Amino acid sequence: MSEKKIDKERQNSYDSLPPSIKENLTQEEKEAFLYKAVWPESLFEKLDEFIIKE
């Protein structure tokens, strides 16, 4: 089984989230946050106050 490479910036961002936010993320959302280019809409909703819109 190949191990996914963790992006340090993503890991640092994840680590800086408040515990209450991290506890509410599903395993799928956590994996999307750390590894995927496209996030599920539910993740955007949960992180809305932390996302800077351009």
PDB file of N, CA and C in Angstrom:
ATOM      1  N   MET A   1       0.842  -1.181   0.000  1.00  0.00           N
ATOM      2  CA  MET A   1       0.000   0.000   0.000  1.00  0.00           C
ATOM      3  C   MET A   1       0.886   1.242   0.000  1.00  0.00           C
ATOM      4  N   SER A   2       0.661   2.137  -0.953  1.00  0.00           N
ATOM      5  CA  SER A   2       1.476   3.343  -1.014  1.00  0.00           C
ATOM      6  C   SER A   2       0.966   4.379  -0.024  1.00  0.00           C
ATOM      7  N   GLU A   3       1.910   5.065   0.573  1.00  0.00           N
ATOM      8  CA  GLU A   3       1.544   6.078   1.556  1.00  0.00           C
ATOM      9  C   GLU A   3       1.409   7.425   0.857  1.00  0.00           C
ATOM     10  N   LYS A   4       0.387   8.180   1.237  1.00  0.00           N
ATOM     11  CA  LYS A   4       0.167   9.493   0.653  1.00  0.00           C
ATOM     12  C   LYS A   4       1.204  10.462   1.195  1.00  0.00           C
ATOM     13  N   LYS A   5       1.690  11.335   0.315  1.00  0.00           N
ATOM     14  CA  LYS A   5       2.655  12.346   0.744  1.00  0.00           C
ATOM     15  C   LYS A   5       1.909  13.535   1.324  1.00  0.00           C
ATOM     16  N   ILE A   6       2.270  13.899   2.538  1.00  0.00           N
ATOM     17  CA  ILE A   6       1.604  15.012   3.209  1.00  0.00           C
ATOM     18  C   ILE A   6       2.288  16.318   2.820  1.00  0.00           C
ATOM     19  N   ASP A   7       1.470  17.276   2.391  1.00  0.00           N
ATOM     20  CA  ASP A   7       1.934  18.623   2.090  1.00  0.00           C
ATOM     21  C   ASP A   7       2.088  19.349   3.427  1.00  0.00           C
ATOM     22  N   LYS A   8       3.286  19.860   3.692  1.00  0.00           N
ATOM     23  CA  LYS A   8       3.546  20.482   4.999  1.00  0.00           C
ATOM     24  C   LYS A   8       2.667  21.703   5.243  1.00  0.00           C
ATOM     25  N   GLU A   9       2.391  22.484   4.207  1.00  0.00           N
ATOM     26  CA  GLU A   9       1.533  23.651   4.378  1.00  0.00           C
ATOM     27  C   GLU A   9       0.112  23.231   4.751  1.00  0.00           C
ATOM     28  N   ARG A  10      -0.380  22.203   4.088  1.00  0.00           N
ATOM     29  CA  ARG A  10      -1.725  21.706   4.420  1.00  0.00           C
ATOM     30  C   ARG A  10      -1.765  21.149   5.833  1.00  0.00           C
ATOM     31  N   GLN A  11      -0.726  20.401   6.207  1.00  0.00           N
ATOM     32  CA  GLN A  11      -0.675  19.833   7.558  1.00  0.00           C
ATOM     33  C   GLN A  11      -0.630  20.953   8.595  1.00  0.00           C
ATOM     34  N   ASN A  12       0.173  21.982   8.358  1.00  0.00           N
ATOM     35  CA  ASN A  12       0.246  23.107   9.288  1.00  0.00           C
ATOM     36  C   ASN A  12      -1.096  23.817   9.387  1.00  0.00           C
ATOM     37  N   SER A  13      -1.771  23.979   8.254  1.00  0.00           N
ATOM     38  CA  SER A  13      -3.090  24.613   8.259  1.00  0.00           C
ATOM     39  C   SER A  13      -4.083  23.773   9.040  1.00  0.00           C
ATOM     40  N   TYR A  14      -4.057  22.472   8.811  1.00  0.00           N
ATOM     41  CA  TYR A  14      -4.956  21.573   9.542  1.00  0.00           C
ATOM     42  C   TYR A  14      -4.674  21.637  11.039  1.00  0.00           C
ATOM     43  N   ASP A  15      -3.402  21.598  11.406  1.00  0.00           N
ATOM     44  CA  ASP A  15      -3.017  21.621  12.823  1.00  0.00           C
ATOM     45  C   ASP A  15      -3.449  22.920  13.504  1.00  0.00           C
ATOM     46  N   SER A  16      -3.537  24.010  12.739  1.00  0.00           N
ATOM     47  CA  SER A  16      -3.893  25.301  13.323  1.00  0.00           C
ATOM     48  C   SER A  16      -5.407  25.506  13.479  1.00  0.00           C
ATOM     49  N   LEU A  17      -6.206  24.586  12.938  1.00  0.00           N
ATOM     50  CA  LEU A  17      -7.657  24.702  13.096  1.00  0.00           C
ATOM     51  C   LEU A  17      -8.042  24.499  14.557  1.00  0.00           C
ATOM     52  N   PRO A  18      -9.072  25.188  15.008  1.00  0.00           N
ATOM     53  CA  PRO A  18      -9.544  24.968  16.385  1.00  0.00           C
ATOM     54  C   PRO A  18      -9.996  23.510  16.566  1.00  0.00           C
ATOM     55  N   PRO A  19      -9.778  22.956  17.748  1.00  0.00           N
ATOM     56  CA  PRO A  19     -10.185  21.568  18.003  1.00  0.00           C
ATOM     57  C   PRO A  19     -11.657  21.309  17.693  1.00  0.00           C
ATOM     58  N   SER A  20     -12.516  22.272  17.961  1.00  0.00           N
ATOM     59  CA  SER A  20     -13.949  22.072  17.706  1.00  0.00           C
ATOM     60  C   SER A  20     -14.232  21.869  16.215  1.00  0.00           C
ATOM     61  N   ILE A  21     -13.450  22.499  15.358  1.00  0.00           N
ATOM     62  CA  ILE A  21     -13.623  22.330  13.909  1.00  0.00           C
ATOM     63  C   ILE A  21     -13.093  20.957  13.497  1.00  0.00           C
ATOM     64  N   LYS A  22     -11.892  20.615  13.949  1.00  0.00           N
ATOM     65  CA  LYS A  22     -11.298  19.325  13.578  1.00  0.00           C
ATOM     66  C   LYS A  22     -12.157  18.154  14.029  1.00  0.00           C
ATOM     67  N   GLU A  23     -12.757  18.269  15.199  1.00  0.00           N
ATOM     68  CA  GLU A  23     -13.602  17.188  15.720  1.00  0.00           C
ATOM     69  C   GLU A  23     -14.848  16.971  14.879  1.00  0.00           C
ATOM     70  N   ASN A  24     -15.285  18.007  14.164  1.00  0.00           N
ATOM     71  CA  ASN A  24     -16.497  17.905  13.352  1.00  0.00           C
ATOM     72  C   ASN A  24     -16.240  17.451  11.921  1.00  0.00           C
ATOM     73  N   LEU A  25     -14.972  17.249  11.558  1.00  0.00           N
ATOM     74  CA  LEU A  25     -14.662  16.794  10.203  1.00  0.00           C
ATOM     75  C   LEU A  25     -14.761  15.276  10.125  1.00  0.00           C
ATOM     76  N   THR A  26     -15.334  14.803   9.033  1.00  0.00           N
ATOM     77  CA  THR A  26     -15.367  13.349   8.808  1.00  0.00           C
ATOM     78  C   THR A  26     -13.976  12.915   8.347  1.00  0.00           C
ATOM     79  N   GLN A  27     -13.735  11.624   8.344  1.00  0.00           N
ATOM     80  CA  GLN A  27     -12.450  11.112   7.856  1.00  0.00           C
ATOM     81  C   GLN A  27     -12.250  11.510   6.395  1.00  0.00           C
ATOM     82  N   GLU A  28     -13.311  11.444   5.608  1.00  0.00           N
ATOM     83  CA  GLU A  28     -13.238  11.830   4.188  1.00  0.00           C
ATOM     84  C   GLU A  28     -12.857  13.305   4.040  1.00  0.00           C
ATOM     85  N   GLU A  29     -13.450  14.163   4.863  1.00  0.00           N
ATOM     86  CA  GLU A  29     -13.145  15.594   4.796  1.00  0.00           C
ATOM     87  C   GLU A  29     -11.709  15.877   5.233  1.00  0.00           C
ATOM     88  N   LYS A  30     -11.252  15.173   6.253  1.00  0.00           N
ATOM     89  CA  LYS A  30      -9.866  15.346   6.709  1.00  0.00           C
ATOM     90  C   LYS A  30      -8.899  14.948   5.598  1.00  0.00           C
ATOM     91  N   GLU A  31      -9.151  13.818   4.954  1.00  0.00           N
ATOM     92  CA  GLU A  31      -8.290  13.364   3.867  1.00  0.00           C
ATOM     93  C   GLU A  31      -8.331  14.338   2.693  1.00  0.00           C
ATOM     94  N   ALA A  32      -9.504  14.882   2.399  1.00  0.00           N
ATOM     95  CA  ALA A  32      -9.620  15.865   1.327  1.00  0.00           C
ATOM     96  C   ALA A  32      -8.804  17.105   1.673  1.00  0.00           C
ATOM     97  N   PHE A  33      -8.913  17.564   2.915  1.00  0.00           N
ATOM     98  CA  PHE A  33      -8.161  18.745   3.365  1.00  0.00           C
ATOM     99  C   PHE A  33      -6.668  18.527   3.156  1.00  0.00           C
ATOM    100  N   LEU A  34      -6.181  17.370   3.544  1.00  0.00           N
ATOM    101  CA  LEU A  34      -4.745  17.104   3.514  1.00  0.00           C
ATOM    102  C   LEU A  34      -4.207  16.703   2.140  1.00  0.00           C
ATOM    103  N   TYR A  35      -5.014  16.051   1.309  1.00  0.00           N
ATOM    104  CA  TYR A  35      -4.462  15.436   0.102  1.00  0.00           C
ATOM    105  C   TYR A  35      -5.100  15.824  -1.228  1.00  0.00           C
ATOM    106  N   LYS A  36      -6.354  16.200  -1.243  1.00  0.00           N
ATOM    107  CA  LYS A  36      -7.059  16.328  -2.521  1.00  0.00           C
ATOM    108  C   LYS A  36      -7.090  17.761  -3.056  1.00  0.00           C
ATOM    109  N   ALA A  37      -7.096  17.855  -4.384  1.00  0.00           N
ATOM    110  CA  ALA A  37      -7.169  19.161  -5.044  1.00  0.00           C
ATOM    111  C   ALA A  37      -8.593  19.700  -5.014  1.00  0.00           C
ATOM    112  N   VAL A  38      -9.572  18.791  -5.006  1.00  0.00           N
ATOM    113  CA  VAL A  38     -10.979  19.202  -4.995  1.00  0.00           C
ATOM    114  C   VAL A  38     -11.600  18.751  -3.676  1.00  0.00           C
ATOM    115  N   TRP A  39     -12.203  19.709  -2.984  1.00  0.00           N
ATOM    116  CA  TRP A  39     -12.826  19.422  -1.692  1.00  0.00           C
ATOM    117  C   TRP A  39     -14.321  19.230  -1.843  1.00  0.00           C
ATOM    118  N   PRO A  40     -14.939  18.386  -0.988  1.00  0.00           N
ATOM    119  CA  PRO A  40     -16.394  18.270  -0.978  1.00  0.00           C
ATOM    120  C   PRO A  40     -17.012  19.569  -0.444  1.00  0.00           C
ATOM    121  N   GLU A  41     -18.200  19.881  -0.888  1.00  0.00           N
ATOM    122  CA  GLU A  41     -18.886  21.104  -0.471  1.00  0.00           C
ATOM    123  C   GLU A  41     -19.027  21.176   1.049  1.00  0.00           C
ATOM    124  N   SER A  42     -19.221  20.033   1.693  1.00  0.00           N
ATOM    125  CA  SER A  42     -19.377  20.019   3.152  1.00  0.00           C
ATOM    126  C   SER A  42     -18.138  20.563   3.860  1.00  0.00           C
ATOM    127  N   LEU A  43     -16.971  20.318   3.283  1.00  0.00           N
ATOM    128  CA  LEU A  43     -15.738  20.822   3.885  1.00  0.00           C
ATOM    129  C   LEU A  43     -15.671  22.344   3.768  1.00  0.00           C
ATOM    130  N   PHE A  44     -16.053  22.885   2.613  1.00  0.00           N
ATOM    131  CA  PHE A  44     -16.103  24.344   2.452  1.00  0.00           C
ATOM    132  C   PHE A  44     -17.061  24.966   3.467  1.00  0.00           C
ATOM    133  N   GLU A  45     -18.190  24.316   3.675  1.00  0.00           N
ATOM    134  CA  GLU A  45     -19.179  24.854   4.618  1.00  0.00           C
ATOM    135  C   GLU A  45     -18.621  24.874   6.040  1.00  0.00           C
ATOM    136  N   LYS A  46     -17.952  23.811   6.439  1.00  0.00           N
ATOM    137  CA  LYS A  46     -17.414  23.731   7.801  1.00  0.00           C
ATOM    138  C   LYS A  46     -16.249  24.692   8.019  1.00  0.00           C
ATOM    139  N   LEU A  47     -15.519  25.018   6.943  1.00  0.00           N
ATOM    140  CA  LEU A  47     -14.351  25.886   7.069  1.00  0.00           C
ATOM    141  C   LEU A  47     -14.605  27.287   6.542  1.00  0.00           C
ATOM    142  N   ASP A  48     -15.842  27.630   6.327  1.00  0.00           N
ATOM    143  CA  ASP A  48     -16.203  28.904   5.708  1.00  0.00           C
ATOM    144  C   ASP A  48     -15.514  30.109   6.341  1.00  0.00           C
ATOM    145  N   GLU A  49     -15.461  30.166   7.659  1.00  0.00           N
ATOM    146  CA  GLU A  49     -14.868  31.341   8.310  1.00  0.00           C
ATOM    147  C   GLU A  49     -13.358  31.389   8.181  1.00  0.00           C
ATOM    148  N   PHE A  50     -12.722  30.314   7.708  1.00  0.00           N
ATOM    149  CA  PHE A  50     -11.268  30.268   7.555  1.00  0.00           C
ATOM    150  C   PHE A  50     -10.817  30.391   6.102  1.00  0.00           C
ATOM    151  N   ILE A  51     -11.753  30.402   5.173  1.00  0.00           N
ATOM    152  CA  ILE A  51     -11.421  30.448   3.755  1.00  0.00           C
ATOM    153  C   ILE A  51     -11.489  31.891   3.267  1.00  0.00           C
ATOM    154  N   ILE A  52     -10.408  32.314   2.610  1.00  0.00           N
ATOM    155  CA  ILE A  52     -10.364  33.663   2.034  1.00  0.00           C
ATOM    156  C   ILE A  52     -10.841  33.570   0.600  1.00  0.00           C
ATOM    157  N   LYS A  53     -11.894  34.278   0.308  1.00  0.00           N
ATOM    158  CA  LYS A  53     -12.447  34.250  -1.046  1.00  0.00           C
ATOM    159  C   LYS A  53     -11.817  35.365  -1.871  1.00  0.00           C
ATOM    160  N   GLU A  54     -11.399  35.004  -3.083  1.00  0.00           N
ATOM    161  CA  GLU A  54     -10.762  35.983  -3.958  1.00  0.00           C
ATOM    162  C   GLU A  54     -11.757  36.677  -4.837  1.00  0.00           C
TER     163      GLU A  54
END
